[in-house]
Every structure is written in structure tokens, then in C-alpha cells.
Amino acid sequence: MPRGKVVKIDKVMPFSPPGFENIYTSKMLIDVFNSGSENIQINHGVLKGGRVTPGGVHEGHDEVYIV
């Protein structure tokens, strides 16, 4: 059985879309590139209160948001 992967959120480099640097940050925690997971991606996003994201969809993937 493969060993698990521990992801420490504070060690993951955040990404912000251009123009949203102080509004929204996204951290990819689990995906095919960092853990070999082909069936699930887990992302940690933080949106500043009272603001909106730039929008967009990830075609071909179901998305679940926990607020």
C-alpha cells in the first residue's frame, strides 16, 4: 500500500489571479502533480470578506465548495 502524503498548508505557496493579490489566494493541496492523485484535487482558497472571485470554471471536473 502506498504511503500517505502530509500537506502543511502554511508551507504551500499561494496563487492569486492577476489583480486579486490582496483579495483571493488559492493553494493546491492535493493533485496529480504533488501526490499522484488522478481522481481528486483539493484546493484551499481564501477570499477576503465582502469581495468576489474573478469567476471561472474548471471544465471536465465536478467542484465542491465548503464555506
Protein backbone atom coordinates (compact mmCIF):
# COMPACT_ATOMS: atom_id res chain seq x y z
CA MET A 1 0.00 0.00 0.00
CA PRO A 2 1.36 3.47 -0.87
CA ARG A 3 2.38 5.75 1.95
CA GLY A 4 0.27 8.82 2.71
CA LYS A 5 1.26 12.38 1.98
CA VAL A 6 1.17 15.07 4.64
CA VAL A 7 0.43 18.55 3.32
CA LYS A 8 1.16 21.51 5.57
CA ILE A 9 -0.98 24.41 4.38
CA ASP A 10 1.39 27.06 5.73
CA LYS A 11 4.19 25.61 3.55
CA VAL A 12 2.18 25.67 0.27
CA MET A 13 2.85 28.68 -1.97
CA PRO A 14 -0.35 30.64 -2.63
CA PHE A 15 -1.55 31.73 -6.06
CA SER A 16 -3.66 34.81 -6.77
CA PRO A 17 -5.07 35.72 -10.18
CA PRO A 18 -3.65 38.99 -11.56
CA GLY A 19 -5.37 41.93 -9.88
CA PHE A 20 -6.66 39.82 -6.96
CA GLU A 21 -3.43 39.58 -4.95
CA ASN A 22 -4.96 41.08 -1.77
CA ILE A 23 -8.44 39.63 -2.34
CA TYR A 24 -8.15 35.90 -3.11
CA THR A 25 -5.49 33.26 -2.55
CA SER A 26 -5.55 29.67 -3.72
CA LYS A 27 -3.36 26.79 -2.54
CA MET A 28 -3.37 23.44 -4.36
CA LEU A 29 -3.07 20.84 -1.62
CA ILE A 30 -3.64 17.53 -3.42
CA ASP A 31 -3.48 16.88 -7.17
CA VAL A 32 -1.88 14.62 -9.76
CA PHE A 33 1.40 16.60 -9.71
CA ASN A 34 2.17 16.64 -5.98
CA SER A 35 0.66 13.35 -4.86
CA GLY A 36 -0.24 11.30 -7.91
CA SER A 37 -3.99 11.65 -7.23
CA GLU A 38 -5.75 11.27 -10.57
CA ASN A 39 -9.29 11.32 -9.23
CA ILE A 40 -9.40 14.21 -6.79
CA GLN A 41 -7.97 17.68 -6.33
CA ILE A 42 -8.16 19.51 -3.03
CA ASN A 43 -7.63 23.25 -3.03
CA HIS A 44 -7.60 25.70 -0.12
CA GLY A 45 -8.97 29.09 -1.16
CA VAL A 46 -9.30 32.21 0.97
CA LEU A 47 -11.49 35.13 -0.11
CA LYS A 48 -11.43 38.44 1.74
CA GLY A 49 -14.79 39.31 3.32
CA GLY A 50 -17.22 41.26 1.14
CA ARG A 51 -15.27 40.53 -2.07
CA VAL A 52 -15.92 38.29 -5.09
CA THR A 53 -13.68 35.98 -7.09
CA PRO A 54 -12.83 36.64 -10.73
CA GLY A 55 -15.05 33.67 -11.65
CA GLY A 56 -14.29 30.83 -13.98
CA VAL A 57 -14.87 27.10 -14.13
CA HIS A 58 -12.68 24.02 -14.36
CA GLU A 59 -14.11 22.18 -17.36
CA GLY A 60 -14.43 18.42 -17.02
CA HIS A 61 -14.34 18.43 -13.21
CA ASP A 62 -17.02 18.41 -10.53
CA GLU A 63 -16.42 21.13 -7.99
CA VAL A 64 -17.42 21.25 -4.33
CA TYR A 65 -17.00 24.37 -2.18
CA ILE A 66 -17.11 24.31 1.62
CA VAL A 67 -17.65 27.70 3.17
